[in-house]
Amino acid sequence: MTDWGPATPTEEALLAAAEAEDRDTLLATLATAPLLLPVSPEAAAGRAPVAWPTARHDGRTHVIAFTSPGAIAACLPGQSVTYHVFALADLAADWPDDDWLLTIDAGLPIGVRLTAAEVRAIAAPALDAERELREAIGRQEPDALMAALLRAELLLPLRPGGSGSRDLSDPDFPWWCLPDEQGQPCLPVFTAEARLRQALGDHDLVAVSSLQLAEQWPDPSWQLVLNPGTPLAAALPGEAVRTLRDWLGQLRQAVTDATDEERRRLATAAYAEPATVGVPAQRTAPDEDDAEYEPDPDLPVRLQVVIPHRYLPSYLEDGYQRAAGLVHAWAGPGRDTPTRLYRRLGLLGEGSPFAESDEWVAVLRWEPDEDTPEEWGRGRPRMESVVVPDGTGLHCLHHDGRDELLARFDAASGRWLPA
């Protein structure tokens, strides 16, 4: 065996771990290391299937692998060796026999021997991360591949000697477009740094989302080549990437529309759970018969919040101290009933805890202060959640307009005292 020294950052890390007798770090490094497996010249040229390179030693079958061409030269001096580059996850996914061992860089200071169980255990995180993508490529289903890419972080190798820009929208971004065997322009994209190193070695890169890449795709004539030079390779035409961009745009708009619709629904049936802060609700137009019961402008502003019926015991029995809901101005003596209040605030609708048939409803009412300013009672109701001020009244509004004071909040004791 000839003299050997680490030729790659991976081998440097492996040597440091071996010298420190740190097997955990050594195995973690191998998990993302490119592994070179000898293959026949015919297999290297694509004219024959790739066979497992094996040797027998001590009555066991060993799969032979190396971490660099330099390691091959050191272990097999004078031999011309063609090889394919794999990741450990590639080997684990198709490991042929549980009794076989994986021997890497045999005879070198970084040499290691792994059982089938160790191979699978080390590769497990990568296998889990790539399972959906691997299955989509195996089934050759473009839709499944697109779906897998939606959830993947993508790595773009940058053009050597290009600008230092890392912004895909920058006209000077160093896209690295390479021709394939037919001269078709291709943009290499990788799903993991280990995959990129497997194909290109150590190379400058930028991480992007599938949405960023689709939105900034530079040329529809370019083909996206996924994980080229690895067993987890696939290709998508540029038009498919543009279609992905359009589909993502439609999806984003659908999500936005659904969010807006949900906000409108909550506004229509607005009510607050205790200690929940929401947003102002759109007011429904009051009936003509209810218009005269708008808040009396000649009265001092008193702030008020409606309480869902089921929460009344939380105040009277448990001492709950928050006003959570649509803060609005009290209309004045005799001007509110449950139905009028619901209509004025827009509290009726599907999913609301309130109904026009309610005989009564509870409200919290208090004078504005520094924490709950008078402005809250002017204009549209607003969703807030605050600790109620001392002296806040807990009232029951009856369907006939009676306003019954049930209790007042005593801040000193933290209790609601009967009126």
Protein backbone atom coordinates (compact mmCIF):
# COMPACT_ATOMS: atom_id res chain seq x y z
CA MET A 1 0.00 0.00 0.00
CA THR A 2 1.37 3.42 -0.96
CA ASP A 3 1.62 6.39 1.36
CA TRP A 4 -1.73 7.95 2.01
CA GLY A 5 -2.96 11.28 3.32
CA PRO A 6 -6.47 12.74 3.53
CA ALA A 7 -7.46 14.22 0.18
CA THR A 8 -10.85 15.71 1.07
CA PRO A 9 -12.44 17.52 4.02
CA THR A 10 -14.44 14.35 4.66
CA GLU A 11 -11.27 12.30 4.97
CA GLU A 12 -9.71 14.93 7.22
CA ALA A 13 -12.73 14.68 9.53
CA LEU A 14 -12.60 10.88 9.44
CA LEU A 15 -8.89 10.86 10.28
CA ALA A 16 -9.37 13.27 13.20
CA ALA A 17 -12.17 11.09 14.56
CA ALA A 18 -10.13 7.90 14.11
CA GLU A 19 -7.10 9.37 15.87
CA ALA A 20 -9.32 10.54 18.73
CA GLU A 21 -10.95 7.09 18.83
CA ASP A 22 -14.27 8.89 18.46
CA ARG A 23 -16.35 6.30 16.65
CA ASP A 24 -19.60 8.27 16.99
CA THR A 25 -18.15 11.24 15.09
CA LEU A 26 -16.58 8.92 12.54
CA LEU A 27 -19.92 7.25 11.83
CA ALA A 28 -21.76 10.58 11.71
CA THR A 29 -19.24 11.79 9.13
CA LEU A 30 -19.76 8.68 7.03
CA ALA A 31 -23.52 9.27 7.09
CA THR A 32 -23.10 12.22 4.71
CA ALA A 33 -19.88 11.18 2.98
CA PRO A 34 -19.72 10.26 -0.71
CA LEU A 35 -18.79 6.59 -1.10
CA LEU A 36 -17.06 5.33 -4.22
CA LEU A 37 -17.96 1.76 -5.18
CA PRO A 38 -15.93 0.03 -7.92
CA VAL A 39 -17.99 -0.99 -10.96
CA SER A 40 -17.17 -2.56 -14.29
CA PRO A 41 -16.30 -0.26 -17.22
CA GLU A 42 -19.51 -1.44 -18.90
CA ALA A 43 -21.59 -0.46 -15.86
CA ALA A 44 -19.78 2.87 -15.61
CA ALA A 45 -20.72 3.54 -19.24
CA GLY A 46 -24.33 2.52 -18.63
CA ARG A 47 -24.09 -0.58 -20.82
CA ALA A 48 -24.52 -3.06 -17.97
CA PRO A 49 -26.25 -3.14 -14.58
CA VAL A 50 -24.29 -2.07 -11.53
CA ALA A 51 -23.26 -5.06 -9.42
CA TRP A 52 -22.27 -4.97 -5.77
CA PRO A 53 -18.44 -4.97 -5.53
CA THR A 54 -17.70 -7.73 -3.05
CA ALA A 55 -14.81 -9.71 -1.63
CA ARG A 56 -14.61 -12.63 0.77
CA HIS A 57 -12.62 -12.31 3.98
CA ASP A 58 -12.70 -14.48 7.11
CA GLY A 59 -15.68 -16.34 5.71
CA ARG A 60 -17.77 -13.15 5.32
CA THR A 61 -18.85 -11.20 2.25
CA HIS A 62 -17.69 -7.58 2.26
CA VAL A 63 -19.02 -4.77 0.06
CA ILE A 64 -15.99 -2.67 -0.86
CA ALA A 65 -16.18 1.14 -0.79
CA PHE A 66 -13.81 4.10 -0.71
CA THR A 67 -14.04 7.75 0.25
CA SER A 68 -12.02 9.27 -2.63
CA PRO A 69 -10.04 8.38 -5.76
CA GLY A 70 -6.93 8.87 -3.64
CA ALA A 71 -8.13 6.21 -1.23
CA ILE A 72 -8.69 3.84 -4.16
CA ALA A 73 -5.17 4.51 -5.41
CA ALA A 74 -3.72 3.88 -1.96
CA CYS A 75 -5.66 0.68 -1.36
CA LEU A 76 -5.41 -0.70 -4.92
CA PRO A 77 -2.11 0.66 -6.22
CA GLY A 78 -1.48 0.28 -9.91
CA GLN A 79 -5.05 -0.73 -10.69
CA SER A 80 -7.37 1.17 -13.00
CA VAL A 81 -10.69 1.36 -11.20
CA THR A 82 -13.95 2.78 -12.50
CA TYR A 83 -16.55 3.63 -9.89
CA HIS A 84 -19.95 5.06 -9.12
CA VAL A 85 -20.55 7.46 -6.26
CA PHE A 86 -23.21 6.59 -3.69
CA ALA A 87 -24.45 7.91 -0.39
CA LEU A 88 -24.72 5.58 2.58
CA ALA A 89 -28.50 5.95 2.33
CA ASP A 90 -28.38 4.54 -1.22
CA LEU A 91 -26.62 1.45 0.04
CA ALA A 92 -28.91 1.06 3.04
CA ALA A 93 -32.04 1.35 0.90
CA ASP A 94 -31.04 -1.65 -1.24
CA TRP A 95 -28.70 -3.59 1.05
CA PRO A 96 -28.73 -7.11 -0.38
CA ASP A 97 -27.96 -9.38 2.58
CA ASP A 98 -28.07 -8.91 6.34
CA ASP A 99 -24.96 -11.08 6.69
CA TRP A 100 -22.84 -8.88 4.44
CA LEU A 101 -20.48 -6.24 5.82
CA LEU A 102 -19.59 -2.82 4.41
CA THR A 103 -15.85 -2.22 4.41
CA ILE A 104 -14.71 1.33 3.71
CA ASP A 105 -11.07 2.26 2.96
CA ALA A 106 -9.74 -1.10 4.10
CA GLY A 107 -6.18 -0.84 5.43
CA LEU A 108 -6.17 2.96 5.74
CA PRO A 109 -6.09 4.80 9.09
CA ILE A 110 -9.70 5.80 8.43
CA GLY A 111 -10.79 2.30 7.48
CA VAL A 112 -14.01 1.04 9.04
CA ARG A 113 -16.18 -2.06 8.85
CA LEU A 114 -19.95 -1.87 9.36
CA THR A 115 -22.64 -4.49 9.78
CA ALA A 116 -25.88 -4.28 7.82
CA ALA A 117 -27.67 -3.12 10.98
CA GLU A 118 -25.11 -0.34 11.48
CA VAL A 119 -25.44 0.76 7.86
CA ARG A 120 -29.21 1.08 8.23
CA ALA A 121 -28.99 2.81 11.61
CA ILE A 122 -26.48 5.41 10.41
CA ALA A 123 -28.48 6.06 7.25
CA ALA A 124 -31.88 6.11 8.96
CA PRO A 125 -32.26 9.93 9.17
CA ALA A 126 -31.38 10.37 5.49
CA LEU A 127 -33.66 7.50 4.50
CA ASP A 128 -36.56 9.04 6.39
CA ALA A 129 -35.92 12.48 4.87
CA GLU A 130 -35.71 11.09 1.34
CA ARG A 131 -38.36 8.38 1.52
CA GLU A 132 -41.10 10.32 -0.28
CA LEU A 133 -38.70 11.50 -2.97
CA ARG A 134 -37.19 8.04 -3.41
CA GLU A 135 -40.63 6.46 -3.80
CA ALA A 136 -41.72 9.10 -6.33
CA ILE A 137 -38.61 8.54 -8.43
CA GLY A 138 -39.00 4.78 -8.17
CA ARG A 139 -42.60 4.97 -9.38
CA GLN A 140 -41.65 7.51 -12.07
CA GLU A 141 -44.67 9.64 -11.16
CA PRO A 142 -44.12 13.33 -12.05
CA ASP A 143 -46.98 14.53 -9.82
CA ALA A 144 -45.60 12.64 -6.83
CA LEU A 145 -42.14 14.03 -7.57
CA MET A 146 -43.52 17.58 -7.68
CA ALA A 147 -45.32 17.01 -4.38
CA ALA A 148 -42.10 15.73 -2.79
CA LEU A 149 -40.16 18.74 -4.04
CA LEU A 150 -42.70 21.10 -2.47
CA ARG A 151 -41.56 19.97 0.97
CA ALA A 152 -37.84 19.81 0.22
CA GLU A 153 -35.12 22.36 0.75
CA LEU A 154 -33.14 22.57 -2.47
CA LEU A 155 -29.45 23.29 -2.92
CA LEU A 156 -28.19 25.11 -6.01
CA PRO A 157 -24.51 24.75 -6.89
CA LEU A 158 -23.16 28.12 -7.99
CA ARG A 159 -21.28 28.78 -11.20
CA PRO A 160 -17.53 28.77 -10.54
CA GLY A 161 -16.10 32.24 -10.96
CA GLY A 162 -19.57 33.82 -10.89
CA SER A 163 -20.71 36.80 -8.86
CA GLY A 164 -21.04 36.65 -5.10
CA SER A 165 -24.80 37.21 -5.24
CA ARG A 166 -27.01 34.79 -3.32
CA ASP A 167 -30.30 36.43 -4.34
CA LEU A 168 -32.14 34.47 -7.03
CA SER A 169 -33.92 37.63 -8.18
CA ASP A 170 -30.59 39.36 -8.83
CA PRO A 171 -29.79 39.54 -12.58
CA ASP A 172 -26.18 38.75 -11.63
CA PHE A 173 -27.06 35.58 -9.70
CA PRO A 174 -24.53 32.91 -10.78
CA TRP A 175 -26.85 30.27 -12.23
CA TRP A 176 -24.82 27.22 -13.23
CA CYS A 177 -26.42 25.81 -16.36
CA LEU A 178 -24.71 22.78 -17.91
CA PRO A 179 -25.52 20.90 -21.13
CA ASP A 180 -26.49 17.24 -20.94
CA GLU A 181 -25.33 14.60 -23.42
CA GLN A 182 -27.87 15.84 -25.98
CA GLY A 183 -26.86 19.47 -25.50
CA GLN A 184 -30.02 20.30 -23.54
CA PRO A 185 -29.32 23.10 -21.01
CA CYS A 186 -29.76 21.72 -17.50
CA LEU A 187 -29.76 23.30 -14.06
CA PRO A 188 -28.44 20.89 -11.41
CA VAL A 189 -30.38 20.97 -8.14
CA PHE A 190 -29.78 18.81 -5.07
CA THR A 191 -31.95 17.78 -2.15
CA ALA A 192 -29.15 17.44 0.40
CA GLU A 193 -25.60 18.62 0.85
CA ALA A 194 -24.46 15.00 0.91
CA ARG A 195 -26.04 14.53 -2.52
CA LEU A 196 -24.25 17.58 -3.88
CA ARG A 197 -20.90 16.40 -2.52
CA GLN A 198 -21.64 12.96 -3.88
CA ALA A 199 -21.83 14.42 -7.39
CA LEU A 200 -19.58 17.48 -7.28
CA GLY A 201 -17.40 17.21 -4.21
CA ASP A 202 -17.06 20.33 -2.11
CA HIS A 203 -18.76 23.14 -4.00
CA ASP A 204 -20.19 26.56 -3.23
CA LEU A 205 -23.98 26.48 -2.98
CA VAL A 206 -27.10 28.33 -1.92
CA ALA A 207 -30.15 26.82 -0.20
CA VAL A 208 -33.57 27.78 -1.57
CA SER A 209 -37.16 26.64 -1.26
CA SER A 210 -39.03 25.08 -4.17
CA LEU A 211 -41.25 28.17 -4.24
CA GLN A 212 -38.25 30.52 -4.54
CA LEU A 213 -36.76 28.42 -7.31
CA ALA A 214 -40.03 28.14 -9.22
CA GLU A 215 -40.73 31.87 -8.97
CA GLN A 216 -37.26 32.81 -10.18
CA TRP A 217 -36.76 30.05 -12.76
CA PRO A 218 -34.53 31.79 -15.30
CA ASP A 219 -35.42 30.12 -18.59
CA PRO A 220 -38.30 27.78 -19.55
CA SER A 221 -35.97 26.03 -22.01
CA TRP A 222 -33.76 24.86 -19.15
CA GLN A 223 -34.33 21.45 -17.64
CA LEU A 224 -34.19 20.86 -13.89
CA VAL A 225 -31.90 17.93 -13.14
CA LEU A 226 -32.39 16.68 -9.61
CA ASN A 227 -29.45 15.05 -7.82
CA PRO A 228 -27.51 14.38 -11.04
CA GLY A 229 -24.76 11.81 -10.78
CA THR A 230 -26.48 10.03 -7.88
CA PRO A 231 -28.91 7.10 -7.67
CA LEU A 232 -31.60 9.56 -6.55
CA ALA A 233 -31.63 11.44 -9.85
CA ALA A 234 -34.60 12.72 -11.82
CA ALA A 235 -35.35 15.39 -14.41
CA LEU A 236 -38.15 17.89 -14.92
CA PRO A 237 -38.60 20.12 -17.97
CA GLY A 238 -38.50 23.84 -17.37
CA GLU A 239 -42.16 24.15 -18.30
CA ALA A 240 -43.02 21.80 -15.44
CA VAL A 241 -41.16 24.09 -13.06
CA ARG A 242 -43.11 27.08 -14.40
CA THR A 243 -46.30 25.08 -13.98
CA LEU A 244 -45.25 24.41 -10.39
CA ARG A 245 -44.79 28.15 -9.93
CA ASP A 246 -48.27 28.86 -11.28
CA TRP A 247 -49.78 26.11 -9.14
CA LEU A 248 -48.03 27.41 -6.03
CA GLY A 249 -49.34 30.88 -6.81
CA GLN A 250 -52.87 29.52 -7.09
CA LEU A 251 -52.41 27.57 -3.86
CA ARG A 252 -51.13 30.65 -2.07
CA GLN A 253 -54.12 32.66 -3.32
CA ALA A 254 -56.49 29.89 -2.23
CA VAL A 255 -54.94 29.89 1.25
CA THR A 256 -55.21 33.68 1.39
CA ASP A 257 -58.85 33.55 0.31
CA ALA A 258 -59.60 30.82 2.85
CA THR A 259 -57.93 32.84 5.60
CA ASP A 260 -59.94 35.92 4.67
CA GLU A 261 -63.13 33.87 4.59
CA GLU A 262 -62.37 32.44 8.04
CA ARG A 263 -61.79 35.94 9.39
CA ARG A 264 -65.11 37.04 7.93
CA ARG A 265 -66.82 34.02 9.47
CA LEU A 266 -65.32 34.75 12.87
CA ALA A 267 -66.30 38.38 12.52
CA THR A 268 -69.88 37.41 11.72
CA ALA A 269 -70.05 35.08 14.69
CA ALA A 270 -67.60 37.00 16.81
CA TYR A 271 -67.28 36.09 20.43
CA ALA A 272 -64.30 35.67 22.71
CA GLU A 273 -63.10 32.76 24.74
CA PRO A 274 -61.73 33.95 28.10
CA ALA A 275 -58.24 35.42 27.69
CA THR A 276 -58.49 35.35 23.88
CA VAL A 277 -57.62 38.37 21.74
CA GLY A 278 -59.18 38.62 18.29
CA VAL A 279 -59.86 41.31 15.69
CA PRO A 280 -62.62 43.89 15.21
CA ALA A 281 -65.82 42.49 13.74
CA GLN A 282 -67.70 43.87 10.78
CA ARG A 283 -71.01 45.29 11.95
CA THR A 284 -74.12 44.05 10.27
CA ALA A 285 -76.59 46.75 9.26
CA PRO A 286 -79.09 47.26 12.13
CA ASP A 287 -82.78 46.83 11.50
CA GLU A 288 -84.71 50.08 11.20
CA ASP A 289 -86.47 49.25 14.46
CA ASP A 290 -83.09 48.91 16.19
CA ALA A 291 -81.44 52.05 14.78
CA GLU A 292 -82.90 54.26 17.51
CA TYR A 293 -81.16 52.12 20.13
CA GLU A 294 -77.65 53.02 19.05
CA PRO A 295 -75.51 54.36 21.98
CA ASP A 296 -76.83 57.63 23.38
CA PRO A 297 -74.28 60.30 22.32
CA ASP A 298 -75.23 62.50 25.28
CA LEU A 299 -74.13 59.93 27.87
CA PRO A 300 -70.55 59.51 29.13
CA VAL A 301 -68.88 56.55 27.42
CA ARG A 302 -69.02 53.29 29.31
CA LEU A 303 -67.22 50.30 27.84
CA GLN A 304 -68.93 46.95 27.62
CA VAL A 305 -68.22 43.33 26.60
CA VAL A 306 -70.76 40.57 26.03
CA ILE A 307 -70.09 37.28 27.84
CA PRO A 308 -71.17 33.92 26.39
CA HIS A 309 -73.64 32.33 28.80
CA ARG A 310 -71.44 29.37 29.64
CA TYR A 311 -68.71 31.62 31.03
CA LEU A 312 -70.83 33.41 33.62
CA PRO A 313 -69.89 30.90 36.39
CA SER A 314 -66.20 31.56 35.67
CA TYR A 315 -66.73 35.12 36.88
CA LEU A 316 -69.18 34.66 39.74
CA GLU A 317 -67.75 31.43 41.16
CA ASP A 318 -64.10 31.35 40.10
CA GLY A 319 -63.25 35.05 40.18
CA TYR A 320 -62.26 35.31 36.53
CA GLN A 321 -60.87 38.82 35.97
CA ARG A 322 -60.54 39.41 32.23
CA ALA A 323 -62.77 41.20 29.77
CA ALA A 324 -62.28 39.29 26.55
CA GLY A 325 -64.36 40.02 23.49
CA LEU A 326 -65.75 42.85 21.36
CA VAL A 327 -65.34 46.05 23.37
CA HIS A 328 -68.08 48.55 22.53
CA ALA A 329 -69.97 51.45 24.06
CA TRP A 330 -72.94 50.86 26.35
CA ALA A 331 -76.06 52.20 24.62
CA GLY A 332 -77.60 53.64 27.79
CA PRO A 333 -80.45 52.79 30.19
CA GLY A 334 -83.22 50.74 28.62
CA ARG A 335 -81.71 50.86 25.15
CA ASP A 336 -80.18 47.37 25.04
CA THR A 337 -81.76 43.93 24.84
CA PRO A 338 -79.91 40.74 23.93
CA THR A 339 -81.21 40.78 20.35
CA ARG A 340 -80.51 44.48 19.77
CA LEU A 341 -77.00 44.05 21.13
CA TYR A 342 -76.33 40.98 19.00
CA ARG A 343 -77.48 42.79 15.86
CA ARG A 344 -75.48 45.91 16.62
CA LEU A 345 -72.30 43.91 17.16
CA GLY A 346 -72.88 41.34 14.42
CA LEU A 347 -72.87 38.44 16.88
CA LEU A 348 -75.53 36.35 15.19
CA GLY A 349 -74.56 33.67 12.74
CA GLU A 350 -73.49 30.07 12.30
CA GLY A 351 -71.22 28.95 15.13
CA SER A 352 -72.16 31.82 17.44
CA PRO A 353 -73.03 31.03 21.09
CA PHE A 354 -75.75 33.68 20.89
CA ALA A 355 -79.27 33.43 19.43
CA GLU A 356 -82.17 35.82 18.89
CA SER A 357 -84.26 33.65 21.21
CA ASP A 358 -81.99 34.35 24.22
CA GLU A 359 -84.01 35.60 27.20
CA TRP A 360 -80.97 37.29 28.72
CA VAL A 361 -77.26 37.86 28.24
CA ALA A 362 -74.47 38.87 30.63
CA VAL A 363 -72.19 41.86 30.00
CA LEU A 364 -69.19 43.44 31.70
CA ARG A 365 -69.37 47.24 31.93
CA TRP A 366 -66.82 49.74 33.23
CA GLU A 367 -65.59 53.30 32.97
CA PRO A 368 -62.69 53.95 30.58
CA ASP A 369 -59.24 54.33 32.12
CA GLU A 370 -55.62 54.56 30.99
CA ASP A 371 -55.46 50.89 29.99
CA THR A 372 -58.90 50.87 28.36
CA PRO A 373 -59.27 54.34 26.79
CA GLU A 374 -62.53 56.01 25.86
CA GLU A 375 -61.61 55.72 22.16
CA TRP A 376 -62.36 52.00 22.39
CA GLY A 377 -66.03 52.89 22.67
CA ARG A 378 -66.09 55.07 19.58
CA GLY A 379 -66.39 53.74 16.06
CA ARG A 380 -66.35 50.04 15.30
CA PRO A 381 -66.24 47.50 18.13
CA ARG A 382 -62.77 46.09 18.70
CA MET A 383 -61.63 42.73 20.00
CA GLU A 384 -59.55 43.07 23.16
CA SER A 385 -58.56 41.05 26.21
CA VAL A 386 -57.76 43.01 29.37
CA VAL A 387 -57.89 42.64 33.13
CA VAL A 388 -61.11 44.33 34.22
CA PRO A 389 -60.71 47.56 36.23
CA ASP A 390 -61.76 47.82 39.84
CA GLY A 391 -65.50 48.46 40.10
CA THR A 392 -66.41 46.77 36.81
CA GLY A 393 -70.05 45.75 36.86
CA LEU A 394 -71.37 42.37 35.81
CA HIS A 395 -74.86 42.97 34.41
CA CYS A 396 -77.67 40.83 33.09
CA LEU A 397 -79.59 42.32 30.16
CA HIS A 398 -83.12 40.89 29.87
CA HIS A 399 -85.20 40.58 26.72
CA ASP A 400 -87.62 43.23 28.04
CA GLY A 401 -84.82 45.81 28.40
CA ARG A 402 -84.23 45.45 32.14
CA ASP A 403 -80.59 45.92 33.14
CA GLU A 404 -79.82 43.95 36.32
CA LEU A 405 -76.52 44.47 38.16
CA LEU A 406 -75.36 41.10 39.48
CA ALA A 407 -71.92 41.86 40.95
CA ARG A 408 -68.99 44.26 40.98
CA PHE A 409 -65.34 43.41 40.72
CA ASP A 410 -63.25 44.16 43.82
CA ALA A 411 -59.60 44.40 42.77
CA ALA A 412 -58.33 44.25 46.36
CA SER A 413 -59.81 40.81 46.96
CA GLY A 414 -59.79 39.69 43.34
CA ARG A 415 -63.44 38.65 43.68
CA TRP A 416 -66.80 39.55 42.23
CA LEU A 417 -68.91 40.86 45.10
CA PRO A 418 -72.71 40.52 44.93
CA ALA A 419 -74.50 43.77 44.19
